[in-house]
Amino acid sequence: MQENQITASEWEVMRVVWANKETTSKYISEVLEDKMNWKPATTKTLIGRLVKKNKLNTIEEGRKYLYSPQVTEQESIQESSKEVLEQVCSQKRGAVLYQMIEETTLSIKDIEYLQKLLEMKKRSAPKMIQCECTPGQCDCSLG
C-alpha cells in the first residue's frame, strides 16, 4: 500500500466526512462508536493521519476543529481500484472485475451502465492481453 493510500479504518472516517461535507471529530466519533467500537482517541488518531496524508482539511473554530474533505470520494475510489488492479497480472484483471461484479448487488441502472460501457470497450478490445509481469511473478509463462 502506498504511503498516501487510505486504510480501511481511514475509509470509515472519510465516509462520514464525505457525507457531511464539514464535521467535527466529536460527530465522527459518535457516528463510528457503535459500528466500529472505537474510543474517541482512536477516531482522533485516524483524523490526524488523514490530515497528514492531505485527505482532510482542518479549520479551527474556537475551541474545536472542523474537518472537510480535501479529496473527493470518487477520486479516492479511482485511486484505490487502480491500485488493486495494478497488483494483479494484466491477464487476470478481467477475472478480478468479474468477481467484484458477481459479489456485488447492482441496480438495474448500474447493470445498464455496465452493459453500455462493456459494449464500448468491446469495439477496441484486443483479442488477448499481454502479461506484463516480471518473470516469476505469475503463472502466465509456466503453462
N, C-alpha and C. Protein backbone atom coordinates (compact mmCIF):
# COMPACT_ATOMS: atom_id res chain seq x y z
N MET A 1 0.84 -1.18 0.00
CA MET A 1 0.00 0.00 0.00
C MET A 1 0.88 1.24 0.00
N GLN A 2 0.52 2.17 -0.86
CA GLN A 2 1.29 3.41 -0.91
C GLN A 2 1.08 4.19 0.38
N GLU A 3 2.09 4.95 0.74
CA GLU A 3 2.10 5.71 1.97
C GLU A 3 0.90 6.67 2.08
N ASN A 4 0.43 7.17 0.97
CA ASN A 4 -0.65 8.15 0.94
C ASN A 4 -2.03 7.51 0.80
N GLN A 5 -2.09 6.18 0.62
CA GLN A 5 -3.35 5.48 0.45
C GLN A 5 -4.17 5.51 1.73
N ILE A 6 -5.46 5.44 1.58
CA ILE A 6 -6.37 5.42 2.72
C ILE A 6 -6.57 3.97 3.18
N THR A 7 -6.36 3.72 4.46
CA THR A 7 -6.56 2.38 5.02
C THR A 7 -8.06 2.12 5.20
N ALA A 8 -8.42 0.88 5.50
CA ALA A 8 -9.83 0.52 5.71
C ALA A 8 -10.44 1.34 6.86
N SER A 9 -9.71 1.51 7.94
CA SER A 9 -10.21 2.30 9.08
C SER A 9 -10.36 3.77 8.70
N GLU A 10 -9.41 4.28 7.94
CA GLU A 10 -9.49 5.68 7.49
C GLU A 10 -10.66 5.89 6.53
N TRP A 11 -11.00 4.86 5.74
CA TRP A 11 -12.18 4.95 4.86
C TRP A 11 -13.43 5.21 5.68
N GLU A 12 -13.53 4.54 6.84
CA GLU A 12 -14.70 4.73 7.71
C GLU A 12 -14.84 6.20 8.10
N VAL A 13 -13.74 6.82 8.47
CA VAL A 13 -13.74 8.23 8.85
C VAL A 13 -14.09 9.10 7.64
N MET A 14 -13.45 8.83 6.51
CA MET A 14 -13.68 9.64 5.32
C MET A 14 -15.14 9.56 4.87
N ARG A 15 -15.77 8.41 5.00
CA ARG A 15 -17.16 8.28 4.59
C ARG A 15 -18.06 9.23 5.39
N VAL A 16 -17.77 9.39 6.67
CA VAL A 16 -18.55 10.32 7.50
C VAL A 16 -18.30 11.75 7.03
N VAL A 17 -17.04 12.09 6.76
CA VAL A 17 -16.71 13.45 6.32
C VAL A 17 -17.31 13.72 4.94
N TRP A 18 -17.19 12.78 4.01
CA TRP A 18 -17.78 12.97 2.68
C TRP A 18 -19.29 13.19 2.78
N ALA A 19 -19.94 12.43 3.63
CA ALA A 19 -21.40 12.52 3.75
C ALA A 19 -21.84 13.86 4.35
N ASN A 20 -21.01 14.44 5.21
CA ASN A 20 -21.39 15.65 5.93
C ASN A 20 -20.70 16.92 5.44
N LYS A 21 -19.79 16.79 4.50
CA LYS A 21 -19.04 17.91 3.90
C LYS A 21 -18.10 18.62 4.87
N GLU A 22 -18.56 18.86 6.08
CA GLU A 22 -17.75 19.52 7.11
C GLU A 22 -18.27 19.03 8.46
N THR A 23 -17.37 18.57 9.32
CA THR A 23 -17.83 18.00 10.59
C THR A 23 -16.73 18.06 11.64
N THR A 24 -17.07 17.71 12.86
CA THR A 24 -16.13 17.71 13.98
C THR A 24 -15.69 16.30 14.31
N SER A 25 -14.60 16.17 15.04
CA SER A 25 -14.13 14.84 15.47
C SER A 25 -15.16 14.22 16.40
N LYS A 26 -15.85 15.04 17.18
CA LYS A 26 -16.87 14.53 18.10
C LYS A 26 -17.98 13.83 17.31
N TYR A 27 -18.44 14.47 16.25
CA TYR A 27 -19.51 13.88 15.44
C TYR A 27 -19.03 12.59 14.77
N ILE A 28 -17.82 12.62 14.22
CA ILE A 28 -17.27 11.41 13.57
C ILE A 28 -17.21 10.28 14.59
N SER A 29 -16.75 10.58 15.80
CA SER A 29 -16.67 9.58 16.86
C SER A 29 -18.04 9.01 17.19
N GLU A 30 -19.03 9.89 17.29
CA GLU A 30 -20.39 9.44 17.61
C GLU A 30 -20.93 8.50 16.53
N VAL A 31 -20.70 8.83 15.28
CA VAL A 31 -21.20 8.01 14.18
C VAL A 31 -20.53 6.63 14.19
N LEU A 32 -19.23 6.60 14.45
CA LEU A 32 -18.47 5.36 14.33
C LEU A 32 -18.35 4.56 15.63
N GLU A 33 -18.74 5.16 16.75
CA GLU A 33 -18.57 4.49 18.04
C GLU A 33 -19.23 3.11 18.08
N ASP A 34 -20.50 3.03 17.72
CA ASP A 34 -21.20 1.74 17.77
C ASP A 34 -20.75 0.80 16.66
N LYS A 35 -20.62 1.33 15.45
CA LYS A 35 -20.26 0.48 14.31
C LYS A 35 -18.88 -0.14 14.49
N MET A 36 -17.90 0.67 14.88
CA MET A 36 -16.51 0.22 14.93
C MET A 36 -16.03 -0.11 16.35
N ASN A 37 -16.81 0.27 17.34
CA ASN A 37 -16.43 0.06 18.74
C ASN A 37 -15.11 0.78 19.06
N TRP A 38 -14.98 2.00 18.53
CA TRP A 38 -13.78 2.80 18.74
C TRP A 38 -13.98 3.80 19.86
N LYS A 39 -12.91 4.08 20.56
CA LYS A 39 -12.88 5.17 21.53
C LYS A 39 -12.63 6.47 20.75
N PRO A 40 -13.02 7.63 21.30
CA PRO A 40 -12.77 8.91 20.62
C PRO A 40 -11.29 9.12 20.27
N ALA A 41 -10.39 8.62 21.10
CA ALA A 41 -8.96 8.78 20.83
C ALA A 41 -8.55 8.06 19.53
N THR A 42 -9.17 6.92 19.28
CA THR A 42 -8.88 6.18 18.03
C THR A 42 -9.31 7.00 16.83
N THR A 43 -10.50 7.56 16.90
CA THR A 43 -11.01 8.40 15.81
C THR A 43 -10.10 9.59 15.59
N LYS A 44 -9.68 10.24 16.66
CA LYS A 44 -8.80 11.41 16.54
C LYS A 44 -7.45 11.03 15.93
N THR A 45 -6.93 9.86 16.28
CA THR A 45 -5.68 9.39 15.68
C THR A 45 -5.84 9.21 14.18
N LEU A 46 -6.95 8.61 13.76
CA LEU A 46 -7.20 8.40 12.33
C LEU A 46 -7.39 9.73 11.60
N ILE A 47 -8.08 10.67 12.23
CA ILE A 47 -8.25 12.00 11.64
C ILE A 47 -6.88 12.65 11.45
N GLY A 48 -6.02 12.55 12.45
CA GLY A 48 -4.67 13.12 12.35
C GLY A 48 -3.88 12.53 11.19
N ARG A 49 -4.00 11.23 11.00
CA ARG A 49 -3.31 10.57 9.88
C ARG A 49 -3.85 11.09 8.54
N LEU A 50 -5.16 11.26 8.47
CA LEU A 50 -5.78 11.74 7.23
C LEU A 50 -5.39 13.18 6.92
N VAL A 51 -5.21 13.98 7.95
CA VAL A 51 -4.74 15.35 7.76
C VAL A 51 -3.31 15.32 7.23
N LYS A 52 -2.46 14.48 7.81
CA LYS A 52 -1.06 14.35 7.35
C LYS A 52 -0.98 13.85 5.92
N LYS A 53 -1.91 12.99 5.52
CA LYS A 53 -1.94 12.45 4.16
C LYS A 53 -2.59 13.42 3.17
N ASN A 54 -2.97 14.60 3.65
CA ASN A 54 -3.64 15.61 2.82
C ASN A 54 -4.97 15.11 2.26
N LYS A 55 -5.68 14.34 3.07
CA LYS A 55 -7.01 13.87 2.69
C LYS A 55 -8.10 14.70 3.36
N LEU A 56 -7.75 15.35 4.49
CA LEU A 56 -8.69 16.20 5.21
C LEU A 56 -8.12 17.59 5.42
N ASN A 57 -8.98 18.59 5.31
CA ASN A 57 -8.64 19.97 5.67
C ASN A 57 -9.07 20.21 7.11
N THR A 58 -8.36 21.06 7.80
CA THR A 58 -8.68 21.40 9.18
C THR A 58 -8.92 22.90 9.29
N ILE A 59 -10.03 23.27 9.92
CA ILE A 59 -10.33 24.68 10.19
C ILE A 59 -10.58 24.80 11.68
N GLU A 60 -9.83 25.68 12.32
CA GLU A 60 -10.02 25.91 13.75
C GLU A 60 -11.18 26.89 13.94
N GLU A 61 -12.13 26.47 14.74
CA GLU A 61 -13.30 27.31 15.01
C GLU A 61 -13.50 27.35 16.52
N GLY A 62 -12.94 28.40 17.13
CA GLY A 62 -12.99 28.49 18.59
C GLY A 62 -12.15 27.40 19.22
N ARG A 63 -12.80 26.60 20.06
CA ARG A 63 -12.08 25.52 20.75
C ARG A 63 -12.20 24.17 20.03
N LYS A 64 -12.83 24.17 18.88
CA LYS A 64 -12.97 22.90 18.15
C LYS A 64 -12.44 23.04 16.73
N TYR A 65 -12.23 21.90 16.11
CA TYR A 65 -11.76 21.86 14.73
C TYR A 65 -12.87 21.30 13.84
N LEU A 66 -12.97 21.88 12.66
CA LEU A 66 -13.88 21.36 11.65
C LEU A 66 -13.04 20.68 10.57
N TYR A 67 -13.51 19.54 10.13
CA TYR A 67 -12.80 18.77 9.12
C TYR A 67 -13.65 18.69 7.86
N SER A 68 -13.00 18.87 6.74
CA SER A 68 -13.67 18.76 5.44
C SER A 68 -12.76 17.97 4.50
N PRO A 69 -13.34 17.33 3.50
CA PRO A 69 -12.52 16.51 2.61
C PRO A 69 -11.65 17.37 1.69
N GLN A 70 -10.42 16.93 1.52
CA GLN A 70 -9.51 17.56 0.57
C GLN A 70 -9.50 16.79 -0.75
N VAL A 71 -10.05 15.58 -0.72
CA VAL A 71 -10.19 14.74 -1.91
C VAL A 71 -11.64 14.28 -1.97
N THR A 72 -12.12 14.06 -3.19
CA THR A 72 -13.49 13.57 -3.33
C THR A 72 -13.54 12.06 -3.12
N GLU A 73 -14.73 11.59 -2.84
CA GLU A 73 -14.92 10.15 -2.70
C GLU A 73 -14.60 9.45 -4.02
N GLN A 74 -15.02 10.05 -5.13
CA GLN A 74 -14.77 9.46 -6.44
C GLN A 74 -13.28 9.35 -6.73
N GLU A 75 -12.51 10.39 -6.41
CA GLU A 75 -11.05 10.35 -6.62
C GLU A 75 -10.43 9.22 -5.80
N SER A 76 -10.90 9.06 -4.57
CA SER A 76 -10.36 8.02 -3.70
C SER A 76 -10.73 6.63 -4.18
N ILE A 77 -11.94 6.47 -4.68
CA ILE A 77 -12.37 5.18 -5.22
C ILE A 77 -11.52 4.83 -6.44
N GLN A 78 -11.31 5.80 -7.32
CA GLN A 78 -10.50 5.55 -8.51
C GLN A 78 -9.07 5.17 -8.13
N GLU A 79 -8.50 5.87 -7.19
CA GLU A 79 -7.12 5.60 -6.76
C GLU A 79 -7.02 4.19 -6.16
N SER A 80 -8.00 3.85 -5.34
CA SER A 80 -8.00 2.55 -4.68
C SER A 80 -8.19 1.40 -5.67
N SER A 81 -9.13 1.56 -6.60
CA SER A 81 -9.38 0.49 -7.57
C SER A 81 -8.20 0.34 -8.53
N LYS A 82 -7.58 1.45 -8.88
CA LYS A 82 -6.39 1.39 -9.75
C LYS A 82 -5.27 0.60 -9.05
N GLU A 83 -5.08 0.87 -7.75
CA GLU A 83 -4.04 0.16 -7.01
C GLU A 83 -4.31 -1.34 -6.97
N VAL A 84 -5.56 -1.74 -6.76
CA VAL A 84 -5.92 -3.16 -6.72
C VAL A 84 -5.59 -3.82 -8.07
N LEU A 85 -6.00 -3.17 -9.15
CA LEU A 85 -5.76 -3.77 -10.47
C LEU A 85 -4.28 -3.81 -10.84
N GLU A 86 -3.50 -2.85 -10.37
CA GLU A 86 -2.06 -2.84 -10.66
C GLU A 86 -1.32 -3.96 -9.93
N GLN A 87 -1.92 -4.51 -8.90
CA GLN A 87 -1.29 -5.59 -8.13
C GLN A 87 -1.49 -6.96 -8.77
N VAL A 88 -2.35 -7.01 -9.79
CA VAL A 88 -2.72 -8.28 -10.41
C VAL A 88 -2.15 -8.33 -11.83
N CYS A 89 -1.77 -9.52 -12.26
CA CYS A 89 -1.31 -9.73 -13.64
C CYS A 89 -2.35 -9.16 -14.60
N SER A 90 -1.90 -8.48 -15.63
CA SER A 90 -2.82 -7.85 -16.60
C SER A 90 -3.77 -8.87 -17.23
N GLN A 91 -3.36 -10.13 -17.34
CA GLN A 91 -4.23 -11.17 -17.90
C GLN A 91 -5.33 -11.60 -16.93
N LYS A 92 -5.20 -11.25 -15.66
CA LYS A 92 -6.18 -11.68 -14.65
C LYS A 92 -7.08 -10.54 -14.18
N ARG A 93 -6.92 -9.33 -14.73
CA ARG A 93 -7.72 -8.19 -14.30
C ARG A 93 -9.20 -8.37 -14.63
N GLY A 94 -9.49 -8.96 -15.77
CA GLY A 94 -10.89 -9.24 -16.13
C GLY A 94 -11.55 -10.15 -15.10
N ALA A 95 -10.81 -11.15 -14.63
CA ALA A 95 -11.34 -12.08 -13.62
C ALA A 95 -11.60 -11.35 -12.30
N VAL A 96 -10.74 -10.40 -11.96
CA VAL A 96 -10.94 -9.62 -10.73
C VAL A 96 -12.23 -8.80 -10.86
N LEU A 97 -12.41 -8.14 -11.99
CA LEU A 97 -13.62 -7.35 -12.21
C LEU A 97 -14.86 -8.24 -12.20
N TYR A 98 -14.75 -9.40 -12.84
CA TYR A 98 -15.86 -10.36 -12.87
C TYR A 98 -16.26 -10.74 -11.44
N GLN A 99 -15.27 -11.07 -10.61
CA GLN A 99 -15.54 -11.47 -9.24
C GLN A 99 -16.18 -10.33 -8.45
N MET A 100 -15.69 -9.12 -8.64
CA MET A 100 -16.25 -7.96 -7.93
C MET A 100 -17.72 -7.76 -8.32
N ILE A 101 -18.02 -7.88 -9.60
CA ILE A 101 -19.39 -7.70 -10.07
C ILE A 101 -20.28 -8.83 -9.55
N GLU A 102 -19.75 -10.04 -9.60
CA GLU A 102 -20.52 -11.21 -9.14
C GLU A 102 -20.90 -11.08 -7.66
N GLU A 103 -20.02 -10.51 -6.86
CA GLU A 103 -20.24 -10.43 -5.41
C GLU A 103 -20.95 -9.15 -4.97
N THR A 104 -21.35 -8.29 -5.92
CA THR A 104 -21.95 -7.01 -5.60
C THR A 104 -23.41 -6.97 -6.02
N THR A 105 -24.25 -6.42 -5.16
CA THR A 105 -25.64 -6.19 -5.53
C THR A 105 -25.69 -4.93 -6.38
N LEU A 106 -26.24 -5.05 -7.57
CA LEU A 106 -26.31 -3.94 -8.51
C LEU A 106 -27.76 -3.61 -8.84
N SER A 107 -28.03 -2.33 -9.07
CA SER A 107 -29.35 -1.91 -9.51
C SER A 107 -29.46 -2.14 -11.02
N ILE A 108 -30.67 -2.10 -11.53
CA ILE A 108 -30.89 -2.21 -12.98
C ILE A 108 -30.11 -1.10 -13.68
N LYS A 109 -30.13 0.10 -13.14
CA LYS A 109 -29.42 1.23 -13.73
C LYS A 109 -27.92 0.95 -13.79
N ASP A 110 -27.35 0.39 -12.70
CA ASP A 110 -25.93 0.03 -12.68
C ASP A 110 -25.61 -0.98 -13.78
N ILE A 111 -26.46 -1.99 -13.91
CA ILE A 111 -26.23 -3.04 -14.90
C ILE A 111 -26.30 -2.47 -16.32
N GLU A 112 -27.28 -1.61 -16.56
CA GLU A 112 -27.40 -0.99 -17.88
C GLU A 112 -26.17 -0.14 -18.20
N TYR A 113 -25.68 0.58 -17.21
CA TYR A 113 -24.46 1.40 -17.39
C TYR A 113 -23.27 0.51 -17.72
N LEU A 114 -23.12 -0.59 -16.98
CA LEU A 114 -22.01 -1.51 -17.23
C LEU A 114 -22.12 -2.16 -18.61
N GLN A 115 -23.33 -2.52 -19.01
CA GLN A 115 -23.53 -3.12 -20.34
C GLN A 115 -23.11 -2.13 -21.43
N LYS A 116 -23.50 -0.88 -21.27
CA LYS A 116 -23.15 0.15 -22.24
C LYS A 116 -21.63 0.34 -22.30
N LEU A 117 -21.00 0.39 -21.13
CA LEU A 117 -19.55 0.56 -21.05
C LEU A 117 -18.84 -0.63 -21.70
N LEU A 118 -19.29 -1.83 -21.40
CA LEU A 118 -18.66 -3.03 -21.98
C LEU A 118 -18.81 -3.07 -23.50
N GLU A 119 -19.95 -2.65 -24.01
CA GLU A 119 -20.14 -2.60 -25.47
C GLU A 119 -19.15 -1.62 -26.10
N MET A 120 -18.94 -0.48 -25.47
CA MET A 120 -17.98 0.50 -25.98
C MET A 120 -16.55 -0.07 -25.91
N LYS A 121 -16.20 -0.70 -24.80
CA LYS A 121 -14.86 -1.27 -24.63
C LYS A 121 -14.61 -2.41 -25.63
N LYS A 122 -15.67 -3.16 -25.93
CA LYS A 122 -15.56 -4.31 -26.83
C LYS A 122 -15.10 -3.88 -28.23
N ARG A 123 -15.49 -2.69 -28.66
CA ARG A 123 -15.14 -2.21 -30.01
C ARG A 123 -13.63 -2.07 -30.22
N SER A 124 -12.90 -1.76 -29.17
CA SER A 124 -11.45 -1.57 -29.32
C SER A 124 -10.63 -2.58 -28.52
N ALA A 125 -11.27 -3.60 -28.01
CA ALA A 125 -10.57 -4.58 -27.17
C ALA A 125 -9.67 -5.50 -28.00
N PRO A 126 -8.47 -5.79 -27.49
CA PRO A 126 -7.61 -6.76 -28.17
C PRO A 126 -8.14 -8.17 -27.95
N LYS A 127 -7.74 -9.09 -28.81
CA LYS A 127 -8.16 -10.49 -28.65
C LYS A 127 -7.52 -11.10 -27.40
N MET A 128 -6.30 -10.67 -27.10
CA MET A 128 -5.55 -11.22 -25.97
C MET A 128 -4.82 -10.09 -25.26
N ILE A 129 -4.74 -10.16 -23.97
CA ILE A 129 -3.99 -9.19 -23.16
C ILE A 129 -2.61 -9.79 -22.90
N GLN A 130 -1.58 -9.01 -23.11
CA GLN A 130 -0.21 -9.47 -22.87
C GLN A 130 0.11 -9.38 -21.37
N CYS A 131 0.79 -10.38 -20.87
CA CYS A 131 1.27 -10.38 -19.49
C CYS A 131 2.42 -9.38 -19.41
N GLU A 132 2.37 -8.53 -18.38
CA GLU A 132 3.42 -7.52 -18.17
C GLU A 132 4.21 -7.79 -16.89
N CYS A 133 4.02 -8.96 -16.31
CA CYS A 133 4.68 -9.29 -15.04
C CYS A 133 6.17 -9.56 -15.25
N THR A 134 6.91 -9.36 -14.20
CA THR A 134 8.31 -9.76 -14.18
C THR A 134 8.32 -11.28 -14.16
N PRO A 135 9.17 -11.93 -14.97
CA PRO A 135 9.21 -13.39 -14.97
C PRO A 135 9.33 -13.94 -13.54
N GLY A 136 8.50 -14.90 -13.22
CA GLY A 136 8.49 -15.49 -11.90
C GLY A 136 7.41 -14.92 -10.99
N GLN A 137 6.73 -13.84 -11.43
CA GLN A 137 5.71 -13.21 -10.60
C GLN A 137 4.30 -13.77 -10.85
N CYS A 138 4.13 -14.47 -11.95
CA CYS A 138 2.82 -15.05 -12.24
C CYS A 138 3.02 -16.37 -12.97
N ASP A 139 1.91 -17.04 -13.21
CA ASP A 139 2.00 -18.35 -13.86
C ASP A 139 1.67 -18.30 -15.35
N CYS A 140 1.58 -17.11 -15.94
CA CYS A 140 1.24 -16.99 -17.38
C CYS A 140 2.25 -17.72 -18.27
N SER A 141 3.49 -17.60 -17.95
CA SER A 141 4.52 -18.19 -18.81
C SER A 141 4.85 -19.64 -18.44
N LEU A 142 4.23 -20.15 -17.39
CA LEU A 142 4.54 -21.52 -16.94
C LEU A 142 3.70 -22.56 -17.67
N GLY A 143 2.56 -22.14 -18.23
CA GLY A 143 1.61 -23.07 -18.85
C GLY A 143 2.16 -23.81 -19.98
